[in-house]
Amino acid sequence: MVVRLRIHGRVQGVWYRGWLVDQALAHAVDGWVRNRADGTVEALLAGDESAVRALIQRCHDGPRLAQVTSIEESPETVPPPPGFVQSATV
């Protein structure tokens, strides 16, 4: 399963990206995460469907200081390379 997320709310400046890297590695999910200039966080998640779904559920809470208001989810067809990285802001 490969899915792109756009995470809205108080998600920048609260260690959301670093938290998501740790969570993805713990769930054996590949992909990347980055801040967007509009204040959202974008992520590409790929892996076993149950692992990706579990990680998406955790994304609704995020790290302690985050306040997630909504998550947009869209399917993707091209999987990322193995591993999970934090990318530069776009």
N, C-alpha and C. Protein backbone atom coordinates (compact mmCIF):
# COMPACT_ATOMS: atom_id res chain seq x y z
N MET A 1 0.85 -1.17 0.00
CA MET A 1 0.00 0.00 0.00
C MET A 1 0.90 1.23 0.00
N VAL A 2 0.56 2.19 -0.86
CA VAL A 2 1.29 3.47 -0.91
C VAL A 2 0.27 4.59 -0.83
N VAL A 3 0.47 5.52 0.10
CA VAL A 3 -0.48 6.60 0.31
C VAL A 3 0.26 7.90 0.65
N ARG A 4 -0.29 9.00 0.16
CA ARG A 4 0.25 10.33 0.49
C ARG A 4 -0.70 10.98 1.48
N LEU A 5 -0.13 11.58 2.53
CA LEU A 5 -0.92 12.27 3.54
C LEU A 5 -0.60 13.76 3.53
N ARG A 6 -1.62 14.57 3.80
CA ARG A 6 -1.43 15.99 4.07
C ARG A 6 -2.05 16.20 5.44
N ILE A 7 -1.21 16.57 6.41
CA ILE A 7 -1.63 16.65 7.81
C ILE A 7 -1.78 18.12 8.19
N HIS A 8 -2.96 18.49 8.67
CA HIS A 8 -3.31 19.87 9.00
C HIS A 8 -3.38 20.05 10.51
N GLY A 9 -3.17 21.30 10.94
CA GLY A 9 -3.27 21.64 12.34
C GLY A 9 -1.98 22.26 12.82
N ARG A 10 -1.75 22.14 14.12
CA ARG A 10 -0.47 22.62 14.69
C ARG A 10 0.52 21.47 14.58
N VAL A 11 1.18 21.39 13.42
CA VAL A 11 2.04 20.25 13.13
C VAL A 11 3.46 20.66 12.73
N GLN A 12 3.73 21.96 12.67
CA GLN A 12 5.10 22.39 12.43
C GLN A 12 5.63 23.04 13.71
N GLY A 13 6.92 22.83 13.95
CA GLY A 13 7.54 23.38 15.16
C GLY A 13 7.22 22.59 16.42
N VAL A 14 6.69 21.37 16.26
CA VAL A 14 6.33 20.53 17.41
C VAL A 14 6.96 19.14 17.31
N TRP A 15 7.99 18.99 16.49
CA TRP A 15 8.74 17.75 16.29
C TRP A 15 7.90 16.67 15.60
N TYR A 16 6.94 17.11 14.78
CA TYR A 16 6.09 16.13 14.09
C TYR A 16 6.90 15.29 13.11
N ARG A 17 7.75 15.91 12.30
CA ARG A 17 8.51 15.16 11.31
C ARG A 17 9.44 14.14 11.96
N GLY A 18 10.17 14.55 12.97
CA GLY A 18 11.07 13.63 13.67
C GLY A 18 10.32 12.50 14.32
N TRP A 19 9.17 12.81 14.90
CA TRP A 19 8.32 11.80 15.51
C TRP A 19 7.86 10.80 14.46
N LEU A 20 7.44 11.31 13.28
CA LEU A 20 6.94 10.42 12.23
C LEU A 20 8.05 9.51 11.69
N VAL A 21 9.26 10.02 11.59
CA VAL A 21 10.39 9.16 11.18
C VAL A 21 10.52 8.00 12.16
N ASP A 22 10.53 8.30 13.45
CA ASP A 22 10.65 7.25 14.47
C ASP A 22 9.51 6.25 14.39
N GLN A 23 8.28 6.75 14.22
CA GLN A 23 7.11 5.88 14.15
C GLN A 23 7.15 5.00 12.91
N ALA A 24 7.53 5.57 11.77
CA ALA A 24 7.58 4.80 10.53
C ALA A 24 8.61 3.68 10.62
N LEU A 25 9.77 3.99 11.17
CA LEU A 25 10.79 2.95 11.31
C LEU A 25 10.32 1.85 12.25
N ALA A 26 9.61 2.21 13.31
CA ALA A 26 9.10 1.21 14.26
C ALA A 26 8.02 0.33 13.61
N HIS A 27 7.28 0.88 12.64
CA HIS A 27 6.22 0.13 11.96
C HIS A 27 6.69 -0.51 10.66
N ALA A 28 7.98 -0.40 10.34
CA ALA A 28 8.54 -0.94 9.09
C ALA A 28 7.85 -0.36 7.86
N VAL A 29 7.61 0.95 7.89
CA VAL A 29 6.98 1.66 6.78
C VAL A 29 8.04 2.50 6.08
N ASP A 30 8.07 2.45 4.75
CA ASP A 30 9.01 3.25 3.96
C ASP A 30 8.36 4.57 3.57
N GLY A 31 9.21 5.55 3.19
CA GLY A 31 8.67 6.81 2.68
C GLY A 31 9.46 8.01 3.12
N TRP A 32 8.74 9.13 3.22
CA TRP A 32 9.36 10.40 3.61
C TRP A 32 8.31 11.31 4.25
N VAL A 33 8.81 12.36 4.91
CA VAL A 33 7.94 13.37 5.52
C VAL A 33 8.62 14.72 5.33
N ARG A 34 7.81 15.76 5.12
CA ARG A 34 8.36 17.11 4.95
C ARG A 34 7.32 18.15 5.36
N ASN A 35 7.81 19.32 5.78
CA ASN A 35 6.94 20.46 6.01
C ASN A 35 6.59 21.09 4.67
N ARG A 36 5.44 21.73 4.61
CA ARG A 36 5.04 22.49 3.43
C ARG A 36 4.93 23.95 3.83
N ALA A 37 5.16 24.81 2.87
CA ALA A 37 5.15 26.25 3.13
C ALA A 37 3.80 26.74 3.65
N ASP A 38 2.72 26.01 3.40
CA ASP A 38 1.39 26.41 3.86
C ASP A 38 1.11 26.03 5.32
N GLY A 39 2.10 25.44 6.01
CA GLY A 39 1.93 25.08 7.42
C GLY A 39 1.51 23.65 7.66
N THR A 40 1.28 22.89 6.61
CA THR A 40 0.93 21.48 6.77
C THR A 40 2.18 20.62 6.75
N VAL A 41 2.00 19.35 7.06
CA VAL A 41 3.06 18.35 6.91
C VAL A 41 2.57 17.35 5.87
N GLU A 42 3.46 16.98 4.95
CA GLU A 42 3.13 16.01 3.91
C GLU A 42 3.99 14.77 4.11
N ALA A 43 3.40 13.60 3.89
CA ALA A 43 4.14 12.35 4.06
C ALA A 43 3.72 11.36 2.99
N LEU A 44 4.68 10.54 2.58
CA LEU A 44 4.41 9.42 1.70
C LEU A 44 4.74 8.16 2.49
N LEU A 45 3.75 7.27 2.62
CA LEU A 45 3.91 6.05 3.40
C LEU A 45 3.72 4.85 2.49
N ALA A 46 4.58 3.85 2.64
CA ALA A 46 4.48 2.63 1.82
C ALA A 46 4.84 1.43 2.67
N GLY A 47 4.08 0.36 2.48
CA GLY A 47 4.37 -0.88 3.20
C GLY A 47 3.15 -1.76 3.28
N ASP A 48 3.22 -2.71 4.18
CA ASP A 48 2.10 -3.60 4.44
C ASP A 48 0.88 -2.77 4.83
N GLU A 49 -0.29 -3.10 4.28
CA GLU A 49 -1.48 -2.28 4.52
C GLU A 49 -1.80 -2.12 6.01
N SER A 50 -1.67 -3.17 6.79
CA SER A 50 -2.00 -3.05 8.21
C SER A 50 -1.01 -2.13 8.92
N ALA A 51 0.25 -2.17 8.54
CA ALA A 51 1.25 -1.29 9.16
C ALA A 51 1.01 0.17 8.77
N VAL A 52 0.69 0.40 7.50
CA VAL A 52 0.42 1.77 7.04
C VAL A 52 -0.83 2.31 7.72
N ARG A 53 -1.88 1.51 7.80
CA ARG A 53 -3.12 1.94 8.47
C ARG A 53 -2.87 2.25 9.95
N ALA A 54 -2.09 1.42 10.61
CA ALA A 54 -1.77 1.67 12.03
C ALA A 54 -1.01 2.98 12.19
N LEU A 55 -0.09 3.25 11.28
CA LEU A 55 0.68 4.49 11.35
C LEU A 55 -0.21 5.70 11.07
N ILE A 56 -1.11 5.59 10.11
CA ILE A 56 -2.04 6.70 9.85
C ILE A 56 -2.87 7.00 11.09
N GLN A 57 -3.32 5.98 11.79
CA GLN A 57 -4.08 6.19 13.03
C GLN A 57 -3.25 6.96 14.05
N ARG A 58 -1.98 6.62 14.18
CA ARG A 58 -1.10 7.32 15.11
C ARG A 58 -0.87 8.76 14.68
N CYS A 59 -0.88 9.01 13.37
CA CYS A 59 -0.68 10.36 12.86
C CYS A 59 -1.78 11.32 13.30
N HIS A 60 -2.97 10.80 13.59
CA HIS A 60 -4.06 11.66 14.05
C HIS A 60 -3.76 12.26 15.42
N ASP A 61 -2.91 11.62 16.20
CA ASP A 61 -2.50 12.16 17.50
C ASP A 61 -1.17 12.90 17.37
N GLY A 62 -0.19 12.29 16.72
CA GLY A 62 1.12 12.91 16.57
C GLY A 62 1.87 12.99 17.88
N PRO A 63 2.95 13.77 17.90
CA PRO A 63 3.71 13.93 19.14
C PRO A 63 2.92 14.77 20.14
N ARG A 64 3.42 14.82 21.34
CA ARG A 64 2.71 15.45 22.47
C ARG A 64 2.24 16.87 22.20
N LEU A 65 3.04 17.72 21.55
CA LEU A 65 2.67 19.12 21.35
C LEU A 65 1.84 19.37 20.10
N ALA A 66 1.66 18.38 19.26
CA ALA A 66 0.90 18.55 18.02
C ALA A 66 -0.60 18.61 18.30
N GLN A 67 -1.30 19.31 17.43
CA GLN A 67 -2.76 19.36 17.46
C GLN A 67 -3.25 19.14 16.04
N VAL A 68 -3.48 17.90 15.67
CA VAL A 68 -3.91 17.55 14.32
C VAL A 68 -5.40 17.82 14.18
N THR A 69 -5.77 18.60 13.16
CA THR A 69 -7.18 18.90 12.93
C THR A 69 -7.78 18.02 11.83
N SER A 70 -6.96 17.64 10.85
CA SER A 70 -7.45 16.74 9.79
C SER A 70 -6.28 16.15 9.03
N ILE A 71 -6.55 15.03 8.37
CA ILE A 71 -5.56 14.39 7.50
C ILE A 71 -6.23 14.05 6.19
N GLU A 72 -5.67 14.57 5.09
CA GLU A 72 -6.12 14.21 3.75
C GLU A 72 -5.28 13.00 3.32
N GLU A 73 -5.92 12.05 2.71
CA GLU A 73 -5.25 10.81 2.30
C GLU A 73 -5.53 10.56 0.83
N SER A 74 -4.48 10.32 0.04
CA SER A 74 -4.68 10.01 -1.37
C SER A 74 -3.76 8.85 -1.77
N PRO A 75 -4.28 7.91 -2.57
CA PRO A 75 -3.46 6.77 -2.99
C PRO A 75 -2.38 7.19 -3.97
N GLU A 76 -1.27 6.49 -3.93
CA GLU A 76 -0.15 6.70 -4.85
C GLU A 76 0.17 5.37 -5.51
N THR A 77 0.84 5.42 -6.62
CA THR A 77 1.18 4.18 -7.32
C THR A 77 2.66 3.85 -7.28
N VAL A 78 3.51 4.86 -7.11
CA VAL A 78 4.96 4.63 -7.14
C VAL A 78 5.49 4.58 -5.71
N PRO A 79 6.04 3.45 -5.29
CA PRO A 79 6.57 3.36 -3.93
C PRO A 79 7.91 4.10 -3.81
N PRO A 80 8.22 4.60 -2.63
CA PRO A 80 9.50 5.27 -2.39
C PRO A 80 10.61 4.24 -2.22
N PRO A 81 11.86 4.69 -2.22
CA PRO A 81 12.96 3.76 -1.92
C PRO A 81 12.84 3.25 -0.48
N PRO A 82 13.51 2.15 -0.15
CA PRO A 82 13.46 1.62 1.21
C PRO A 82 13.96 2.64 2.24
N GLY A 83 13.39 2.57 3.42
CA GLY A 83 13.77 3.47 4.51
C GLY A 83 12.75 4.59 4.66
N PHE A 84 12.97 5.45 5.64
CA PHE A 84 12.06 6.58 5.88
C PHE A 84 12.91 7.78 6.25
N VAL A 85 12.73 8.89 5.50
CA VAL A 85 13.58 10.08 5.68
C VAL A 85 12.75 11.32 5.89
N GLN A 86 13.38 12.30 6.50
CA GLN A 86 12.81 13.62 6.65
C GLN A 86 13.39 14.48 5.54
N SER A 87 12.53 15.09 4.72
CA SER A 87 12.97 15.88 3.58
C SER A 87 12.82 17.37 3.86
N ALA A 88 13.40 18.17 2.97
CA ALA A 88 13.36 19.63 3.11
C ALA A 88 11.96 20.16 2.87
N THR A 89 11.67 21.33 3.42
CA THR A 89 10.40 22.00 3.25
C THR A 89 10.19 22.41 1.80
N VAL A 90 8.97 22.26 1.32
CA VAL A 90 8.62 22.70 -0.04
C VAL A 90 7.48 23.70 0.01
